N, C-alpha and C. Protein backbone atom coordinates (compact mmCIF):
# COMPACT_ATOMS: atom_id res chain seq x y z
N UNK A 1 0.81 -1.22 0.00
CA UNK A 1 -0.01 -0.01 0.00
C UNK A 1 0.85 1.27 0.00
N UNK A 2 1.99 1.22 0.68
CA UNK A 2 2.81 2.45 0.75
C UNK A 2 3.39 2.77 -0.62
N UNK A 3 3.74 1.75 -1.40
CA UNK A 3 4.26 1.96 -2.72
C UNK A 3 3.21 2.59 -3.61
N UNK A 4 1.96 2.15 -3.43
CA UNK A 4 0.88 2.69 -4.21
C UNK A 4 0.66 4.17 -3.88
N UNK A 5 0.81 4.51 -2.63
CA UNK A 5 0.68 5.93 -2.26
C UNK A 5 1.76 6.76 -2.92
N UNK A 6 2.99 6.22 -2.97
CA UNK A 6 4.07 6.93 -3.68
C UNK A 6 3.75 7.13 -5.15
N UNK A 7 3.21 6.10 -5.78
CA UNK A 7 2.84 6.18 -7.20
C UNK A 7 1.77 7.26 -7.41
N UNK A 8 0.80 7.30 -6.52
CA UNK A 8 -0.26 8.27 -6.65
C UNK A 8 0.26 9.69 -6.42
N UNK A 9 1.27 9.84 -5.60
CA UNK A 9 1.86 11.16 -5.42
C UNK A 9 2.38 11.68 -6.76
N UNK A 10 2.99 10.81 -7.54
CA UNK A 10 3.45 11.19 -8.87
C UNK A 10 2.30 11.62 -9.76
N UNK A 11 1.19 10.92 -9.66
CA UNK A 11 0.01 11.27 -10.46
C UNK A 11 -0.50 12.67 -10.05
N UNK A 12 -0.43 13.00 -8.75
CA UNK A 12 -0.90 14.31 -8.30
C UNK A 12 0.03 15.42 -8.80
N UNK A 13 1.29 15.11 -8.95
CA UNK A 13 2.22 16.12 -9.46
C UNK A 13 1.89 16.44 -10.92
N UNK A 14 1.46 15.43 -11.67
CA UNK A 14 1.08 15.64 -13.05
C UNK A 14 -0.27 16.32 -13.17
N UNK A 15 -1.20 15.93 -12.31
CA UNK A 15 -2.56 16.47 -12.34
C UNK A 15 -3.11 16.54 -10.93
N UNK A 16 -2.96 17.64 -10.24
CA UNK A 16 -3.40 17.75 -8.84
C UNK A 16 -4.91 17.59 -8.64
N UNK A 17 -5.68 17.68 -9.73
CA UNK A 17 -7.14 17.59 -9.63
C UNK A 17 -7.65 16.22 -10.09
N UNK A 18 -6.80 15.23 -10.17
CA UNK A 18 -7.17 13.91 -10.61
C UNK A 18 -8.04 13.22 -9.55
N UNK A 19 -9.37 13.26 -9.78
CA UNK A 19 -10.30 12.70 -8.78
C UNK A 19 -10.17 11.20 -8.62
N UNK A 20 -9.90 10.50 -9.72
CA UNK A 20 -9.75 9.04 -9.65
C UNK A 20 -8.54 8.67 -8.79
N UNK A 21 -7.44 9.37 -8.94
CA UNK A 21 -6.26 9.08 -8.14
C UNK A 21 -6.54 9.40 -6.67
N UNK A 22 -7.29 10.47 -6.39
CA UNK A 22 -7.64 10.80 -5.02
C UNK A 22 -8.52 9.73 -4.39
N UNK A 23 -9.47 9.22 -5.19
CA UNK A 23 -10.33 8.15 -4.70
C UNK A 23 -9.50 6.92 -4.34
N UNK A 24 -8.59 6.57 -5.20
CA UNK A 24 -7.71 5.42 -4.91
C UNK A 24 -6.87 5.67 -3.69
N UNK A 25 -6.36 6.87 -3.58
CA UNK A 25 -5.54 7.23 -2.40
C UNK A 25 -6.38 7.10 -1.13
N UNK A 26 -7.59 7.59 -1.14
CA UNK A 26 -8.45 7.50 0.05
C UNK A 26 -8.71 6.04 0.42
N UNK A 27 -8.94 5.22 -0.59
CA UNK A 27 -9.18 3.79 -0.33
C UNK A 27 -7.95 3.15 0.30
N UNK A 28 -6.79 3.48 -0.18
CA UNK A 28 -5.54 2.96 0.40
C UNK A 28 -5.39 3.45 1.83
N UNK A 29 -5.66 4.71 2.07
CA UNK A 29 -5.55 5.27 3.43
C UNK A 29 -6.49 4.53 4.39
N UNK A 30 -7.68 4.18 3.92
CA UNK A 30 -8.59 3.41 4.78
C UNK A 30 -8.00 2.04 5.10
N UNK A 31 -7.37 1.41 4.10
CA UNK A 31 -6.77 0.09 4.36
C UNK A 31 -5.60 0.16 5.32
N UNK A 32 -5.00 1.38 5.41
CA UNK A 32 -3.90 1.58 6.34
C UNK A 32 -4.38 2.11 7.71
N UNK A 33 -5.71 2.04 7.87
CA UNK A 33 -6.34 2.53 9.13
C UNK A 33 -6.03 4.00 9.40
N UNK A 34 -6.19 4.80 8.37
CA UNK A 34 -6.01 6.25 8.49
C UNK A 34 -7.28 6.93 8.00
N UNK A 35 -8.42 6.71 8.70
CA UNK A 35 -9.70 7.19 8.18
C UNK A 35 -9.82 8.71 8.12
N UNK A 36 -9.20 9.45 9.01
CA UNK A 36 -9.32 10.91 8.97
C UNK A 36 -8.68 11.43 7.68
N UNK A 37 -7.53 10.92 7.31
CA UNK A 37 -6.88 11.34 6.08
C UNK A 37 -7.69 10.89 4.87
N UNK A 38 -8.28 9.69 4.95
CA UNK A 38 -9.10 9.19 3.87
C UNK A 38 -10.31 10.10 3.67
N UNK A 39 -10.90 10.55 4.77
CA UNK A 39 -12.06 11.42 4.67
C UNK A 39 -11.72 12.71 3.94
N UNK A 40 -10.59 13.28 4.25
CA UNK A 40 -10.15 14.53 3.57
C UNK A 40 -10.04 14.31 2.07
N UNK A 41 -9.51 13.16 1.66
CA UNK A 41 -9.38 12.84 0.24
C UNK A 41 -10.76 12.64 -0.40
N UNK A 42 -11.62 11.90 0.29
CA UNK A 42 -12.97 11.67 -0.24
C UNK A 42 -13.75 12.97 -0.37
N UNK A 43 -13.53 13.91 0.55
CA UNK A 43 -14.19 15.20 0.45
C UNK A 43 -13.76 15.94 -0.80
N UNK A 44 -12.49 15.87 -1.15
CA UNK A 44 -12.00 16.50 -2.34
C UNK A 44 -12.59 15.84 -3.61
N UNK A 45 -12.70 14.51 -3.56
CA UNK A 45 -13.31 13.80 -4.69
C UNK A 45 -14.79 14.19 -4.81
N UNK A 46 -15.49 14.25 -3.68
CA UNK A 46 -16.90 14.65 -3.70
C UNK A 46 -17.06 16.04 -4.31
N UNK A 47 -16.15 16.96 -3.96
CA UNK A 47 -16.25 18.29 -4.50
C UNK A 47 -16.06 18.30 -6.00
N UNK A 48 -15.23 17.39 -6.50
CA UNK A 48 -14.96 17.30 -7.93
C UNK A 48 -16.07 16.53 -8.66
N UNK A 49 -16.70 15.57 -7.97
CA UNK A 49 -17.72 14.71 -8.59
C UNK A 49 -18.91 14.58 -7.63
N UNK A 50 -19.66 15.63 -7.43
CA UNK A 50 -20.72 15.61 -6.42
C UNK A 50 -21.88 14.64 -6.71
N UNK A 51 -22.01 14.18 -7.92
CA UNK A 51 -23.13 13.27 -8.27
C UNK A 51 -22.67 11.83 -8.39
N UNK A 52 -21.51 11.52 -7.86
CA UNK A 52 -20.98 10.14 -7.89
C UNK A 52 -21.38 9.43 -6.62
N UNK A 53 -22.30 8.49 -6.72
CA UNK A 53 -22.83 7.79 -5.56
C UNK A 53 -21.76 7.05 -4.78
N UNK A 54 -20.81 6.46 -5.49
CA UNK A 54 -19.78 5.65 -4.81
C UNK A 54 -18.94 6.51 -3.86
N UNK A 55 -18.76 7.77 -4.18
CA UNK A 55 -18.00 8.67 -3.30
C UNK A 55 -18.77 8.92 -2.02
N UNK A 56 -20.05 9.20 -2.15
CA UNK A 56 -20.87 9.43 -0.94
C UNK A 56 -20.95 8.19 -0.11
N UNK A 57 -21.05 7.03 -0.76
CA UNK A 57 -21.09 5.74 -0.02
C UNK A 57 -19.79 5.55 0.75
N UNK A 58 -18.66 5.77 0.06
CA UNK A 58 -17.35 5.59 0.73
C UNK A 58 -17.19 6.57 1.89
N UNK A 59 -17.63 7.80 1.69
CA UNK A 59 -17.58 8.79 2.79
C UNK A 59 -18.43 8.32 3.96
N UNK A 60 -19.58 7.74 3.68
CA UNK A 60 -20.42 7.24 4.75
C UNK A 60 -19.73 6.15 5.55
N UNK A 61 -19.03 5.27 4.86
CA UNK A 61 -18.32 4.21 5.57
C UNK A 61 -17.21 4.77 6.44
N UNK A 62 -16.50 5.78 5.93
CA UNK A 62 -15.43 6.39 6.72
C UNK A 62 -16.02 7.11 7.94
N UNK A 63 -17.07 7.87 7.72
CA UNK A 63 -17.68 8.61 8.83
C UNK A 63 -18.22 7.67 9.90
N UNK A 64 -18.77 6.53 9.46
CA UNK A 64 -19.25 5.57 10.42
C UNK A 64 -18.09 5.02 11.24
N UNK A 65 -16.98 4.74 10.58
CA UNK A 65 -15.82 4.26 11.27
C UNK A 65 -15.25 5.29 12.25
N UNK A 66 -15.43 6.56 11.92
CA UNK A 66 -14.94 7.63 12.79
C UNK A 66 -15.92 7.93 13.94
N UNK A 67 -17.03 7.18 14.00
CA UNK A 67 -17.99 7.38 15.09
C UNK A 67 -18.89 8.56 14.86
N UNK A 68 -19.19 8.87 13.60
CA UNK A 68 -20.06 10.01 13.25
C UNK A 68 -21.26 9.46 12.49
N UNK A 69 -22.15 8.73 13.18
CA UNK A 69 -23.23 8.03 12.48
C UNK A 69 -24.25 8.96 11.79
N UNK A 70 -24.52 10.12 12.32
CA UNK A 70 -25.49 11.01 11.67
C UNK A 70 -24.97 11.47 10.33
N UNK A 71 -23.71 11.87 10.30
CA UNK A 71 -23.13 12.32 9.02
C UNK A 71 -23.00 11.14 8.06
N UNK A 72 -22.67 9.98 8.58
CA UNK A 72 -22.59 8.78 7.74
C UNK A 72 -23.94 8.50 7.11
N UNK A 73 -25.00 8.58 7.89
CA UNK A 73 -26.34 8.31 7.38
C UNK A 73 -26.71 9.29 6.23
N UNK A 74 -26.34 10.56 6.40
CA UNK A 74 -26.62 11.53 5.33
C UNK A 74 -25.89 11.16 4.06
N UNK A 75 -24.65 10.70 4.18
CA UNK A 75 -23.90 10.28 2.99
C UNK A 75 -24.53 9.04 2.34
N UNK A 76 -24.93 8.08 3.17
CA UNK A 76 -25.57 6.87 2.62
C UNK A 76 -26.87 7.23 1.91
N UNK A 77 -27.66 8.14 2.50
CA UNK A 77 -28.92 8.53 1.87
C UNK A 77 -28.69 9.29 0.55
N UNK A 78 -27.66 10.10 0.51
CA UNK A 78 -27.33 10.80 -0.72
C UNK A 78 -26.90 9.80 -1.77
N UNK A 79 -26.09 8.79 -1.38
CA UNK A 79 -25.67 7.76 -2.33
C UNK A 79 -26.90 7.00 -2.84
N UNK A 80 -27.83 6.73 -1.98
CA UNK A 80 -29.06 6.01 -2.38
C UNK A 80 -29.90 6.84 -3.34
N UNK A 81 -29.98 8.13 -3.08
CA UNK A 81 -30.70 9.03 -3.98
C UNK A 81 -30.04 9.08 -5.36
N UNK A 82 -28.74 9.10 -5.38
CA UNK A 82 -27.99 9.20 -6.64
C UNK A 82 -28.01 7.90 -7.45
N UNK A 83 -28.04 6.77 -6.74
CA UNK A 83 -27.97 5.48 -7.41
C UNK A 83 -28.86 4.46 -6.71
N UNK A 84 -30.17 4.53 -6.93
CA UNK A 84 -31.10 3.65 -6.24
C UNK A 84 -30.88 2.17 -6.52
N UNK A 85 -30.24 1.82 -7.63
CA UNK A 85 -30.07 0.39 -7.95
C UNK A 85 -29.10 -0.29 -6.98
N UNK A 86 -28.29 0.45 -6.27
CA UNK A 86 -27.37 -0.12 -5.30
C UNK A 86 -27.97 -0.15 -3.89
N UNK A 87 -29.31 -0.14 -3.81
CA UNK A 87 -29.95 0.01 -2.49
C UNK A 87 -29.61 -1.07 -1.50
N UNK A 88 -29.42 -2.32 -1.94
CA UNK A 88 -29.10 -3.40 -0.97
C UNK A 88 -27.75 -3.17 -0.33
N UNK A 89 -26.76 -2.79 -1.12
CA UNK A 89 -25.41 -2.54 -0.58
C UNK A 89 -25.44 -1.38 0.39
N UNK A 90 -26.12 -0.31 0.00
CA UNK A 90 -26.15 0.88 0.84
C UNK A 90 -26.94 0.62 2.12
N UNK A 91 -28.10 -0.05 1.98
CA UNK A 91 -28.87 -0.34 3.18
C UNK A 91 -28.11 -1.28 4.14
N UNK A 92 -27.35 -2.19 3.57
CA UNK A 92 -26.53 -3.07 4.41
C UNK A 92 -25.50 -2.27 5.19
N UNK A 93 -24.86 -1.32 4.56
CA UNK A 93 -23.85 -0.47 5.23
C UNK A 93 -24.50 0.36 6.32
N UNK A 94 -25.73 0.81 6.06
CA UNK A 94 -26.44 1.64 7.01
C UNK A 94 -26.79 0.83 8.28
N UNK A 95 -27.07 -0.43 8.10
CA UNK A 95 -27.50 -1.28 9.22
C UNK A 95 -26.33 -1.79 10.08
N UNK A 96 -25.16 -1.80 9.57
CA UNK A 96 -24.02 -2.36 10.31
C UNK A 96 -23.63 -1.48 11.48
């Protein structure tokens, strides 16, 4: 995971607004148990792609892990509004 973070740093130097690289970075940070840093990255991705359900869903998971269930629920509901076909996955995350 650390090597992947280094690789993504290079991508940011080429394109600091690369939302896909930020999403990947946030996912790696979560796997390294760094949820606060992951949340900051997901927030930047959300700002770049506000209608992307997967970003809101991922933010909900991070917020839930950080002990912020109300904010997590808002993110899950936004994800559900944006992409109703993923309702089972989102509802499952909301119930955990």
